[in-house]
Structures are given as C-alpha cells and as structure tokens.
C-alpha cells in the first residue's frame, strides 16, 4: 500500500491511473482530496505550514491502512500527504482506495481520512492576519473517531 509524505504537488489523475493499472478486479475507486482553505475559524488564512515526525508518520499511516484492510475487502489504498509551506487552493492530502464494490471503498476511504485527521502525527500552523497559530483537531473529527472505535 503506497504512502508518500512529500513537499511537491501531485497529479490526481495520474495517481488514480497508476493505482488501478493492471488490476481488472477493481470495480470501484473512491478518492478524497483535501485542499487549503482561505478561511478557518472565522479568520482569513494566507497560508499554512505542515510538519511531521519522519519515520513515525509513515509507520502511523501504514497502521491506519492495515486497519482498513482488516475491516473492509479492499485491494489498494494510497495516501499522499504534503508537508512544508502551502497556500490557499493547494492540495494537501489525497486518499484513494480500490475494491470490487463501492461500499467497501467508501467506508475504507472515510476511515483512513478520519484517522489521518486525528491520529496521524502531523502538525498544522496557519498564517492569519493576527499571526501564526497551531491548529487542533476539530470536535467533529474526534466524534468521527468514536464512531470507528465502536465497529
């Protein structure tokens, strides 16, 4: 299962094509693309910087994908997460999941994304007119985690 932590941007179409290439079993590809917004918590965001803990981050992402494979019948999962300075409209994160059927792929993709938002060792600092501020996980992200722990 491919995992990439990188500064450079990525091509969503090329990533999807590579993920499903040569696998005629694939009947569903579900994706999530996260981008930088220009507003957060009522403040304008000029940009953000994403940091991570090398080695630990990749291990956490591998564990997230392994859990998804145990819970659902999926073929492949891809996670690309950017780090470094980013501007509004830049791509941040891409998750893609392949399976025979859409239900498995949708559930696994949502699970992976929820865990990325709450449990992966990434730190986000936003640049606002009031200065730089670190961003915490949202209450809704924590609620999503509780939902998955019950299953």
Protein backbone atom coordinates (compact mmCIF):
# COMPACT_ATOMS: atom_id res chain seq x y z
CA UNK A 1 0.00 0.00 0.00
CA UNK A 2 1.68 3.21 -1.15
CA UNK A 3 2.29 6.01 1.35
CA UNK A 4 4.07 9.20 0.43
CA UNK A 5 4.91 12.22 2.56
CA UNK A 6 6.22 14.92 0.26
CA UNK A 7 6.62 18.64 -0.36
CA UNK A 8 5.88 18.52 -4.08
CA UNK A 9 2.38 18.61 -5.55
CA UNK A 10 0.79 15.56 -7.19
CA UNK A 11 -1.41 14.78 -10.18
CA UNK A 12 -4.67 13.17 -9.01
CA UNK A 13 -5.49 11.61 -12.40
CA UNK A 14 -2.04 10.08 -12.75
CA UNK A 15 -2.18 8.70 -9.19
CA UNK A 16 -5.58 7.06 -9.79
CA UNK A 17 -4.44 5.56 -13.11
CA UNK A 18 -1.30 4.12 -11.52
CA UNK A 19 -3.24 2.71 -8.56
CA UNK A 20 -5.68 0.73 -10.69
CA UNK A 21 -3.36 -0.14 -13.57
CA UNK A 22 -3.17 -3.87 -14.29
CA UNK A 23 -5.84 -4.88 -11.79
CA UNK A 24 -9.03 -5.95 -13.62
CA UNK A 25 -10.67 -6.89 -10.29
CA UNK A 26 -11.19 -3.20 -9.49
CA UNK A 27 -14.83 -2.20 -9.75
CA UNK A 28 -14.61 0.89 -7.55
CA UNK A 29 -12.14 3.67 -6.89
CA UNK A 30 -13.04 6.12 -4.14
CA UNK A 31 -10.93 9.20 -3.52
CA UNK A 32 -10.68 12.12 -1.14
CA UNK A 33 -8.74 15.29 -1.93
CA UNK A 34 -8.12 17.83 0.81
CA UNK A 35 -7.09 21.39 -0.08
CA UNK A 36 -6.04 24.54 1.78
CA UNK A 37 -8.97 26.86 2.54
CA UNK A 38 -8.61 30.64 2.74
CA UNK A 39 -10.79 30.82 5.89
CA UNK A 40 -10.74 28.83 9.12
CA UNK A 41 -12.48 29.51 12.42
CA UNK A 42 -13.54 32.96 11.21
CA UNK A 43 -10.06 34.10 10.21
CA UNK A 44 -8.54 34.62 6.80
CA UNK A 45 -5.72 32.13 6.11
CA UNK A 46 -2.83 33.39 3.96
CA UNK A 47 -1.11 30.01 4.01
CA UNK A 48 -0.10 27.16 6.25
CA UNK A 49 2.88 25.03 7.09
CA UNK A 50 2.54 21.30 7.68
CA UNK A 51 5.14 19.46 9.74
CA UNK A 52 5.53 15.79 10.61
CA UNK A 53 7.76 13.40 12.50
CA UNK A 54 9.69 11.40 9.84
CA UNK A 55 9.56 7.66 10.37
CA UNK A 56 6.80 7.90 12.95
CA UNK A 57 4.37 9.39 10.43
CA UNK A 58 4.91 6.67 7.83
CA UNK A 59 4.51 3.98 10.49
CA UNK A 60 1.23 5.54 11.68
CA UNK A 61 -0.10 5.70 8.12
CA UNK A 62 0.86 2.07 7.49
CA UNK A 63 -1.08 1.09 10.61
CA UNK A 64 -4.14 3.07 9.50
CA UNK A 65 -4.14 1.33 6.13
CA UNK A 66 -3.59 -2.08 7.75
CA UNK A 67 -6.63 -1.50 9.95
CA UNK A 68 -8.70 -0.56 6.88
CA UNK A 69 -7.60 -3.77 5.13
CA UNK A 70 -8.74 -5.84 8.12
CA UNK A 71 -12.14 -4.11 8.33
CA UNK A 72 -13.01 -4.00 4.60
CA UNK A 73 -12.31 -6.03 1.49
CA UNK A 74 -10.12 -3.55 -0.37
CA UNK A 75 -7.35 -4.10 -2.90
CA UNK A 76 -5.20 -1.00 -2.68
CA UNK A 77 -5.03 2.19 -0.65
CA UNK A 78 -2.90 5.20 -1.42
CA UNK A 79 -2.15 8.07 0.93
CA UNK A 80 -0.22 11.14 -0.20
CA UNK A 81 0.25 13.90 2.36
CA UNK A 82 2.12 17.08 1.69
CA UNK A 83 4.33 18.90 4.15
CA UNK A 84 6.01 22.29 4.13
CA UNK A 85 4.54 25.66 3.19
CA UNK A 86 1.20 25.65 1.33
CA UNK A 87 -1.14 28.35 0.02
CA UNK A 88 -4.93 28.52 -0.31
CA UNK A 89 -6.17 26.15 -3.03
CA UNK A 90 -3.04 23.95 -2.79
CA UNK A 91 -3.62 20.21 -2.48
CA UNK A 92 -2.76 18.85 0.97
CA UNK A 93 -3.86 15.22 1.16
CA UNK A 94 -5.04 12.56 -1.25
CA UNK A 95 -6.54 9.21 -0.25
CA UNK A 96 -7.58 6.63 -2.84
CA UNK A 97 -8.99 3.16 -2.21
CA UNK A 98 -9.76 0.40 -4.72
CA UNK A 99 -12.07 -2.54 -4.23
CA UNK A 100 -14.55 -4.69 -6.11
CA UNK A 101 -17.52 -2.68 -4.83
CA UNK A 102 -18.14 0.94 -3.88
CA UNK A 103 -19.39 0.34 -0.34
CA UNK A 104 -16.12 -1.18 0.83
CA UNK A 105 -14.09 1.54 -0.87
CA UNK A 106 -16.21 4.41 0.52
CA UNK A 107 -16.05 3.08 4.08
CA UNK A 108 -12.30 2.42 3.96
CA UNK A 109 -11.57 5.84 2.45
CA UNK A 110 -13.62 7.64 5.09
CA UNK A 111 -11.99 5.60 7.87
CA UNK A 112 -8.47 6.39 6.61
CA UNK A 113 -9.27 10.09 6.31
CA UNK A 114 -10.82 10.27 9.80
CA UNK A 115 -7.72 8.66 11.29
CA UNK A 116 -5.44 10.99 9.34
CA UNK A 117 -7.26 13.99 10.80
CA UNK A 118 -7.00 12.81 14.42
CA UNK A 119 -4.27 10.20 14.92
CA UNK A 120 -1.53 10.80 12.35
CA UNK A 121 1.47 12.80 13.63
CA UNK A 122 1.06 15.93 11.50
CA UNK A 123 1.10 19.49 12.83
CA UNK A 124 -0.55 22.37 11.01
CA UNK A 125 0.29 26.04 11.55
CA UNK A 126 -1.87 28.65 9.82
CA UNK A 127 -0.71 32.13 8.85
CA UNK A 128 -3.51 34.62 9.60
CA UNK A 129 -3.72 38.42 9.82
CA UNK A 130 -3.48 38.00 13.61
CA UNK A 131 -0.28 35.96 13.35
CA UNK A 132 0.61 32.29 13.15
CA UNK A 133 -1.44 29.74 15.08
CA UNK A 134 -1.30 25.97 15.53
CA UNK A 135 -4.47 24.15 14.51
CA UNK A 136 -6.03 21.47 16.73
CA UNK A 137 -8.29 18.64 15.60
CA UNK A 138 -11.95 19.65 15.37
CA UNK A 139 -14.62 18.32 17.72
CA UNK A 140 -16.28 16.71 14.69
CA UNK A 141 -13.05 14.85 13.91
CA UNK A 142 -12.98 13.42 17.43
CA UNK A 143 -16.63 12.36 17.09
CA UNK A 144 -15.75 10.51 13.88
CA UNK A 145 -13.06 8.57 15.72
CA UNK A 146 -15.55 7.42 18.34
CA UNK A 147 -17.79 6.10 15.57
CA UNK A 148 -14.98 3.90 14.19
CA UNK A 149 -13.95 2.60 17.61
CA UNK A 150 -17.43 1.13 18.06
CA UNK A 151 -17.10 -1.03 14.95
